[in-house]
Amino acid sequence: MAGFFVPFTYMPTYAMDMGSDSWSAAFLISVIGITNIVGRVAVGFVSDLPCADCLLINNVALIIGGVATLFVPFYSQYYILAIYCAVFGTSIAVFVSLRSIIMVELMGLEKLTTTFGFVIMCQGSSSMIGAPIAGALSDATGSDDWAFYLAGMTLTLSGIICLPLRRVARWEGLVGPRSVSEVITTDGGNKRKRGSRRGKEEEREEEEEVMMSSRGRESGAMV
């Protein structure tokens, strides 16, 4: 995720170098934000479908966003940059919305907090070093093209690396139920079963106590 914030940093200056005014260049960031909001809502509906494969959707979105970023230096029109920003905003919306669901599917609900913290730490570290590296490449080459090349390659590589995650998790015996709803349902069912078992055990203990007390009374009356 080293290239996650590169388009936010370099897109306005790149658009201005193409001849756009400052307002139009800044509006491209708004396009990313608007499509990101809409994309998160849409992905939420799609991920609830029984046929939805959240891991595959996430990987495809990252690859599409990475490839689109990789070709930014070849976009020569403002409207093409606007379309790219819409694609990029949607792709990162998919990633942000589905990462928790994917963690539950691969690692289980009980490991969500630990897994989420580790992923956020890695994402923050890579994002922190990505922009300075892109800036160093831009300064060394005298062009912002290499910043977008770096962002596109890292995003595409992250999507490709995640493709075999479910197979790896299955190989390590970590894959649980397919969907989060199934995880929650299964967990709730287990809790209900445990509760019913505990209730039966308590009833049996109470019956035994009543029987013991009644026997004690009978033996006392006989004495």
C-alpha atoms as a PDB file:
ATOM      1  CA  MET A   1       0.000   0.000   0.000  1.00  0.00           C
ATOM      2  CA  ALA A   2       2.984   2.323  -0.462  1.00  0.00           C
ATOM      3  CA  GLY A   3       1.196   4.057  -3.332  1.00  0.00           C
ATOM      4  CA  PHE A   4      -2.109   4.534  -1.524  1.00  0.00           C
ATOM      5  CA  PHE A   5      -1.778   8.302  -1.008  1.00  0.00           C
ATOM      6  CA  VAL A   6       0.350   9.149  -4.038  1.00  0.00           C
ATOM      7  CA  PRO A   7      -2.621  10.173  -6.280  1.00  0.00           C
ATOM      8  CA  PHE A   8      -3.904  12.478  -3.535  1.00  0.00           C
ATOM      9  CA  THR A   9      -0.522  14.191  -3.378  1.00  0.00           C
ATOM     10  CA  TYR A  10       0.442  14.458  -7.048  1.00  0.00           C
ATOM     11  CA  MET A  11      -2.819  14.537  -8.994  1.00  0.00           C
ATOM     12  CA  PRO A  12      -3.513  18.311  -8.639  1.00  0.00           C
ATOM     13  CA  THR A  13       0.003  19.317  -9.692  1.00  0.00           C
ATOM     14  CA  TYR A  14      -0.067  16.818 -12.542  1.00  0.00           C
ATOM     15  CA  ALA A  15      -3.371  18.273 -13.811  1.00  0.00           C
ATOM     16  CA  MET A  16      -1.978  21.814 -13.565  1.00  0.00           C
ATOM     17  CA  ASP A  17       1.096  20.768 -15.542  1.00  0.00           C
ATOM     18  CA  MET A  18      -1.314  19.597 -18.249  1.00  0.00           C
ATOM     19  CA  GLY A  19      -2.829  23.078 -18.418  1.00  0.00           C
ATOM     20  CA  SER A  20      -5.775  22.843 -16.005  1.00  0.00           C
ATOM     21  CA  ASP A  21      -6.511  25.712 -13.658  1.00  0.00           C
ATOM     22  CA  SER A  22      -6.075  25.328  -9.901  1.00  0.00           C
ATOM     23  CA  TRP A  23      -9.814  24.909  -9.202  1.00  0.00           C
ATOM     24  CA  SER A  24     -10.227  22.147 -11.785  1.00  0.00           C
ATOM     25  CA  ALA A  25      -7.078  20.416 -10.546  1.00  0.00           C
ATOM     26  CA  ALA A  26      -8.286  20.500  -6.933  1.00  0.00           C
ATOM     27  CA  PHE A  27     -11.716  19.238  -7.978  1.00  0.00           C
ATOM     28  CA  LEU A  28     -10.107  15.924  -9.007  1.00  0.00           C
ATOM     29  CA  ILE A  29      -9.512  15.201  -5.316  1.00  0.00           C
ATOM     30  CA  SER A  30     -13.207  15.866  -4.715  1.00  0.00           C
ATOM     31  CA  VAL A  31     -14.041  13.332  -7.420  1.00  0.00           C
ATOM     32  CA  ILE A  32     -11.987  10.736  -5.540  1.00  0.00           C
ATOM     33  CA  GLY A  33     -13.800  11.588  -2.304  1.00  0.00           C
ATOM     34  CA  ILE A  34     -17.301  11.537  -3.796  1.00  0.00           C
ATOM     35  CA  THR A  35     -16.820   8.217  -5.563  1.00  0.00           C
ATOM     36  CA  ASN A  36     -15.236   6.826  -2.408  1.00  0.00           C
ATOM     37  CA  ILE A  37     -18.362   7.630  -0.387  1.00  0.00           C
ATOM     38  CA  VAL A  38     -20.711   6.195  -3.003  1.00  0.00           C
ATOM     39  CA  GLY A  39     -18.462   3.179  -3.486  1.00  0.00           C
ATOM     40  CA  ARG A  40     -18.470   2.267   0.194  1.00  0.00           C
ATOM     41  CA  VAL A  41     -22.261   2.255   0.314  1.00  0.00           C
ATOM     42  CA  ALA A  42     -22.506   0.218  -2.900  1.00  0.00           C
ATOM     43  CA  VAL A  43     -19.912  -2.293  -1.731  1.00  0.00           C
ATOM     44  CA  GLY A  44     -21.847  -2.729   1.505  1.00  0.00           C
ATOM     45  CA  PHE A  45     -24.934  -3.815  -0.443  1.00  0.00           C
ATOM     46  CA  VAL A  46     -22.934  -6.074  -2.753  1.00  0.00           C
ATOM     47  CA  SER A  47     -21.063  -7.778   0.088  1.00  0.00           C
ATOM     48  CA  ASP A  48     -24.387  -8.775   1.681  1.00  0.00           C
ATOM     49  CA  LEU A  49     -25.340 -10.849  -1.354  1.00  0.00           C
ATOM     50  CA  PRO A  50     -25.007 -14.618  -0.806  1.00  0.00           C
ATOM     51  CA  CYS A  51     -23.033 -15.020  -4.033  1.00  0.00           C
ATOM     52  CA  ALA A  52     -20.532 -12.240  -3.231  1.00  0.00           C
ATOM     53  CA  ASP A  53     -16.891 -13.264  -2.862  1.00  0.00           C
ATOM     54  CA  CYS A  54     -15.450 -10.391  -0.827  1.00  0.00           C
ATOM     55  CA  LEU A  55     -11.836 -11.451  -1.252  1.00  0.00           C
ATOM     56  CA  LEU A  56     -12.147 -11.671  -5.033  1.00  0.00           C
ATOM     57  CA  ILE A  57     -13.953  -8.321  -5.218  1.00  0.00           C
ATOM     58  CA  ASN A  58     -11.221  -6.709  -3.141  1.00  0.00           C
ATOM     59  CA  ASN A  59      -8.402  -8.147  -5.232  1.00  0.00           C
ATOM     60  CA  VAL A  60      -9.995  -7.206  -8.550  1.00  0.00           C
ATOM     61  CA  ALA A  61     -10.637  -3.662  -7.302  1.00  0.00           C
ATOM     62  CA  LEU A  62      -7.008  -3.249  -6.198  1.00  0.00           C
ATOM     63  CA  ILE A  63      -5.699  -4.556  -9.502  1.00  0.00           C
ATOM     64  CA  ILE A  64      -8.000  -2.286 -11.515  1.00  0.00           C
ATOM     65  CA  GLY A  65      -7.069   0.742  -9.416  1.00  0.00           C
ATOM     66  CA  GLY A  66      -3.374  -0.111  -9.674  1.00  0.00           C
ATOM     67  CA  VAL A  67      -3.404  -0.597 -13.440  1.00  0.00           C
ATOM     68  CA  ALA A  68      -5.367   2.637 -13.904  1.00  0.00           C
ATOM     69  CA  THR A  69      -2.812   4.482 -11.763  1.00  0.00           C
ATOM     70  CA  LEU A  70       0.052   2.933 -13.678  1.00  0.00           C
ATOM     71  CA  PHE A  71      -1.190   4.535 -16.918  1.00  0.00           C
ATOM     72  CA  VAL A  72      -1.818   8.024 -15.505  1.00  0.00           C
ATOM     73  CA  PRO A  73       1.237   9.497 -17.354  1.00  0.00           C
ATOM     74  CA  PHE A  74      -0.462   8.533 -20.630  1.00  0.00           C
ATOM     75  CA  TYR A  75      -3.715  10.396 -19.867  1.00  0.00           C
ATOM     76  CA  SER A  76      -3.648  13.627 -21.836  1.00  0.00           C
ATOM     77  CA  GLN A  77      -7.172  14.991 -21.283  1.00  0.00           C
ATOM     78  CA  TYR A  78      -8.805  16.409 -18.164  1.00  0.00           C
ATOM     79  CA  TYR A  79     -11.952  14.301 -18.471  1.00  0.00           C
ATOM     80  CA  ILE A  80      -9.805  11.161 -18.636  1.00  0.00           C
ATOM     81  CA  LEU A  81      -8.149  12.205 -15.379  1.00  0.00           C
ATOM     82  CA  ALA A  82     -11.616  12.706 -13.882  1.00  0.00           C
ATOM     83  CA  ILE A  83     -12.635   9.198 -14.964  1.00  0.00           C
ATOM     84  CA  TYR A  84      -9.425   7.824 -13.476  1.00  0.00           C
ATOM     85  CA  CYS A  85     -10.102   9.584 -10.175  1.00  0.00           C
ATOM     86  CA  ALA A  86     -13.570   8.010 -10.096  1.00  0.00           C
ATOM     87  CA  VAL A  87     -12.078   4.560 -10.706  1.00  0.00           C
ATOM     88  CA  PHE A  88      -9.378   5.078  -8.086  1.00  0.00           C
ATOM     89  CA  GLY A  89     -11.850   6.375  -5.500  1.00  0.00           C
ATOM     90  CA  THR A  90     -14.087   3.355  -6.021  1.00  0.00           C
ATOM     91  CA  SER A  91     -11.192   0.887  -5.811  1.00  0.00           C
ATOM     92  CA  ILE A  92      -9.929   2.212  -2.482  1.00  0.00           C
ATOM     93  CA  ALA A  93     -13.529   2.291  -1.204  1.00  0.00           C
ATOM     94  CA  VAL A  94     -13.768  -1.439  -1.899  1.00  0.00           C
ATOM     95  CA  PHE A  95     -10.541  -2.119  -0.026  1.00  0.00           C
ATOM     96  CA  VAL A  96     -11.449  -0.034   3.025  1.00  0.00           C
ATOM     97  CA  SER A  97     -14.977  -1.463   3.228  1.00  0.00           C
ATOM     98  CA  LEU A  98     -14.095  -5.146   2.820  1.00  0.00           C
ATOM     99  CA  ARG A  99     -10.859  -5.559   4.756  1.00  0.00           C
ATOM    100  CA  SER A 100     -12.610  -6.301   8.079  1.00  0.00           C
ATOM    101  CA  ILE A 101     -14.956  -8.792   6.402  1.00  0.00           C
ATOM    102  CA  ILE A 102     -12.032 -10.535   4.728  1.00  0.00           C
ATOM    103  CA  MET A 103     -10.175 -10.768   8.031  1.00  0.00           C
ATOM    104  CA  VAL A 104     -13.161 -12.468   9.661  1.00  0.00           C
ATOM    105  CA  GLU A 105     -13.521 -14.881   6.749  1.00  0.00           C
ATOM    106  CA  LEU A 106      -9.855 -15.851   6.789  1.00  0.00           C
ATOM    107  CA  MET A 107      -8.924 -15.650  10.474  1.00  0.00           C
ATOM    108  CA  GLY A 108     -12.198 -15.951  12.375  1.00  0.00           C
ATOM    109  CA  LEU A 109     -14.172 -13.499  14.476  1.00  0.00           C
ATOM    110  CA  GLU A 110     -12.187 -14.153  17.645  1.00  0.00           C
ATOM    111  CA  LYS A 111      -8.946 -12.946  15.985  1.00  0.00           C
ATOM    112  CA  LEU A 112     -10.413  -9.836  14.354  1.00  0.00           C
ATOM    113  CA  THR A 113      -8.997  -7.275  16.794  1.00  0.00           C
ATOM    114  CA  THR A 114      -5.436  -8.618  16.649  1.00  0.00           C
ATOM    115  CA  THR A 115      -5.499  -9.080  12.879  1.00  0.00           C
ATOM    116  CA  PHE A 116      -7.030  -5.667  12.230  1.00  0.00           C
ATOM    117  CA  GLY A 117      -4.428  -3.933  14.386  1.00  0.00           C
ATOM    118  CA  PHE A 118      -1.573  -5.702  12.615  1.00  0.00           C
ATOM    119  CA  VAL A 119      -2.956  -4.874   9.160  1.00  0.00           C
ATOM    120  CA  ILE A 120      -3.480  -1.215  10.058  1.00  0.00           C
ATOM    121  CA  MET A 121       0.077  -1.021  11.385  1.00  0.00           C
ATOM    122  CA  CYS A 122       1.508  -2.452   8.158  1.00  0.00           C
ATOM    123  CA  GLN A 123      -0.719  -0.252   6.020  1.00  0.00           C
ATOM    124  CA  GLY A 124       0.257   2.872   7.943  1.00  0.00           C
ATOM    125  CA  SER A 125       3.963   2.060   7.753  1.00  0.00           C
ATOM    126  CA  SER A 126       3.904   1.451   4.006  1.00  0.00           C
ATOM    127  CA  SER A 127       1.778   4.542   3.362  1.00  0.00           C
ATOM    128  CA  MET A 128       4.142   6.638   5.460  1.00  0.00           C
ATOM    129  CA  ILE A 129       7.177   5.711   3.373  1.00  0.00           C
ATOM    130  CA  GLY A 130       5.378   5.602   0.015  1.00  0.00           C
ATOM    131  CA  ALA A 131       4.917   9.340  -0.512  1.00  0.00           C
ATOM    132  CA  PRO A 132       8.545  10.249   0.346  1.00  0.00           C
ATOM    133  CA  ILE A 133       9.842   7.566  -2.013  1.00  0.00           C
ATOM    134  CA  ALA A 134       7.551   8.867  -4.759  1.00  0.00           C
ATOM    135  CA  GLY A 135       8.802  12.383  -4.068  1.00  0.00           C
ATOM    136  CA  ALA A 136      12.418  11.244  -4.288  1.00  0.00           C
ATOM    137  CA  LEU A 137      11.711   9.592  -7.633  1.00  0.00           C
ATOM    138  CA  SER A 138      10.007  12.738  -8.919  1.00  0.00           C
ATOM    139  CA  ASP A 139      12.937  14.905  -7.831  1.00  0.00           C
ATOM    140  CA  ALA A 140      15.467  12.518  -9.340  1.00  0.00           C
ATOM    141  CA  THR A 141      13.709  12.245 -12.691  1.00  0.00           C
ATOM    142  CA  GLY A 142      12.242  15.735 -12.849  1.00  0.00           C
ATOM    143  CA  SER A 143       8.778  14.325 -13.569  1.00  0.00           C
ATOM    144  CA  ASP A 144       5.790  13.074 -11.563  1.00  0.00           C
ATOM    145  CA  ASP A 145       5.400  10.107 -13.894  1.00  0.00           C
ATOM    146  CA  TRP A 146       7.511   7.816 -11.721  1.00  0.00           C
ATOM    147  CA  ALA A 147       5.392   8.622  -8.688  1.00  0.00           C
ATOM    148  CA  PHE A 148       2.351   7.223 -10.483  1.00  0.00           C
ATOM    149  CA  TYR A 149       4.383   4.269 -11.745  1.00  0.00           C
ATOM    150  CA  LEU A 150       5.328   3.455  -8.153  1.00  0.00           C
ATOM    151  CA  ALA A 151       1.735   3.819  -6.925  1.00  0.00           C
ATOM    152  CA  GLY A 152       0.345   1.709  -9.754  1.00  0.00           C
ATOM    153  CA  MET A 153       2.890  -1.077  -9.318  1.00  0.00           C
ATOM    154  CA  THR A 154       2.408  -1.325  -5.551  1.00  0.00           C
ATOM    155  CA  LEU A 155      -1.405  -1.318  -5.757  1.00  0.00           C
ATOM    156  CA  THR A 156      -1.426  -3.906  -8.536  1.00  0.00           C
ATOM    157  CA  LEU A 157       1.074  -6.072  -6.691  1.00  0.00           C
ATOM    158  CA  SER A 158      -0.984  -5.930  -3.509  1.00  0.00           C
ATOM    159  CA  GLY A 159      -4.051  -7.186  -5.383  1.00  0.00           C
ATOM    160  CA  ILE A 160      -2.100  -9.993  -7.041  1.00  0.00           C
ATOM    161  CA  ILE A 161      -0.482 -11.095  -3.772  1.00  0.00           C
ATOM    162  CA  CYS A 162      -3.905 -11.348  -2.109  1.00  0.00           C
ATOM    163  CA  LEU A 163      -5.333 -13.676  -4.779  1.00  0.00           C
ATOM    164  CA  PRO A 164      -4.189 -16.947  -3.110  1.00  0.00           C
ATOM    165  CA  LEU A 165      -4.973 -15.809   0.442  1.00  0.00           C
ATOM    166  CA  ARG A 166      -7.983 -18.088   0.892  1.00  0.00           C
ATOM    167  CA  ARG A 167      -6.028 -21.097  -0.357  1.00  0.00           C
ATOM    168  CA  VAL A 168      -3.152 -20.262   1.998  1.00  0.00           C
ATOM    169  CA  ALA A 169      -5.538 -19.838   4.911  1.00  0.00           C
ATOM    170  CA  ARG A 170      -7.227 -23.137   4.064  1.00  0.00           C
ATOM    171  CA  TRP A 171      -3.832 -24.828   3.877  1.00  0.00           C
ATOM    172  CA  GLU A 172      -2.986 -23.508   7.359  1.00  0.00           C
ATOM    173  CA  GLY A 173      -6.401 -24.505   8.684  1.00  0.00           C
ATOM    174  CA  LEU A 174      -7.529 -20.933   9.390  1.00  0.00           C
ATOM    175  CA  VAL A 175     -10.494 -20.607   7.020  1.00  0.00           C
ATOM    176  CA  GLY A 176     -13.778 -20.519   8.860  1.00  0.00           C
ATOM    177  CA  PRO A 177     -17.329 -19.897   7.594  1.00  0.00           C
ATOM    178  CA  ARG A 178     -17.635 -18.142   4.237  1.00  0.00           C
ATOM    179  CA  SER A 179     -19.428 -15.009   5.326  1.00  0.00           C
ATOM    180  CA  VAL A 180     -19.456 -12.792   8.385  1.00  0.00           C
ATOM    181  CA  SER A 181     -23.163 -13.435   8.901  1.00  0.00           C
ATOM    182  CA  GLU A 182     -22.424 -17.141   9.055  1.00  0.00           C
ATOM    183  CA  VAL A 183     -19.664 -16.503  11.561  1.00  0.00           C
ATOM    184  CA  ILE A 184     -21.959 -14.449  13.778  1.00  0.00           C
ATOM    185  CA  THR A 185     -24.789 -16.967  13.398  1.00  0.00           C
ATOM    186  CA  THR A 186     -22.487 -19.857  14.211  1.00  0.00           C
ATOM    187  CA  ASP A 187     -21.030 -18.054  17.193  1.00  0.00           C
ATOM    188  CA  GLY A 188     -24.462 -17.105  18.444  1.00  0.00           C
ATOM    189  CA  GLY A 189     -25.693 -20.659  17.965  1.00  0.00           C
ATOM    190  CA  ASN A 190     -22.777 -21.994  19.955  1.00  0.00           C
ATOM    191  CA  LYS A 191     -23.496 -19.539  22.736  1.00  0.00           C
ATOM    192  CA  ARG A 192     -27.155 -20.562  22.780  1.00  0.00           C
ATOM    193  CA  LYS A 193     -26.150 -24.224  22.912  1.00  0.00           C
ATOM    194  CA  ARG A 194     -23.756 -23.528  25.760  1.00  0.00           C
ATOM    195  CA  GLY A 195     -26.442 -21.550  27.552  1.00  0.00           C
ATOM    196  CA  SER A 196     -28.981 -24.350  27.151  1.00  0.00           C
ATOM    197  CA  ARG A 197     -26.438 -26.892  28.392  1.00  0.00           C
ATOM    198  CA  ARG A 198     -25.633 -24.755  31.406  1.00  0.00           C
ATOM    199  CA  GLY A 199     -29.340 -24.331  32.081  1.00  0.00           C
ATOM    200  CA  LYS A 200     -29.894 -28.097  32.017  1.00  0.00           C
ATOM    201  CA  GLU A 201     -26.917 -28.668  34.276  1.00  0.00           C
ATOM    202  CA  GLU A 202     -28.234 -26.117  36.772  1.00  0.00           C
ATOM    203  CA  GLU A 203     -31.657 -27.762  36.718  1.00  0.00           C
ATOM    204  CA  ARG A 204     -30.072 -31.127  37.389  1.00  0.00           C
ATOM    205  CA  GLU A 205     -28.069 -29.712  40.297  1.00  0.00           C
ATOM    206  CA  GLU A 206     -31.200 -28.162  41.778  1.00  0.00           C
ATOM    207  CA  GLU A 207     -33.083 -31.454  41.441  1.00  0.00           C
ATOM    208  CA  GLU A 208     -30.252 -33.292  43.142  1.00  0.00           C
ATOM    209  CA  GLU A 209     -30.198 -30.755  45.986  1.00  0.00           C
ATOM    210  CA  VAL A 210     -33.969 -31.115  46.445  1.00  0.00           C
ATOM    211  CA  MET A 211     -33.678 -34.895  46.460  1.00  0.00           C
ATOM    212  CA  MET A 212     -30.808 -34.800  48.974  1.00  0.00           C
ATOM    213  CA  SER A 213     -32.703 -32.430  51.252  1.00  0.00           C
ATOM    214  CA  SER A 214     -35.857 -34.562  51.067  1.00  0.00           C
ATOM    215  CA  ARG A 215     -33.866 -37.690  51.873  1.00  0.00           C
ATOM    216  CA  GLY A 216     -32.279 -35.902  54.823  1.00  0.00           C
ATOM    217  CA  ARG A 217     -35.707 -34.944  56.135  1.00  0.00           C
ATOM    218  CA  GLU A 218     -36.995 -38.512  55.742  1.00  0.00           C
ATOM    219  CA  SER A 219     -34.022 -39.972  57.565  1.00  0.00           C
ATOM    220  CA  GLY A 220     -34.440 -37.372  60.364  1.00  0.00           C
ATOM    221  CA  ALA A 221     -38.132 -38.235  60.707  1.00  0.00           C
ATOM    222  CA  MET A 222     -37.322 -41.942  60.912  1.00  0.00           C
ATOM    223  CA  VAL A 223     -34.812 -41.269  63.706  1.00  0.00           C
END
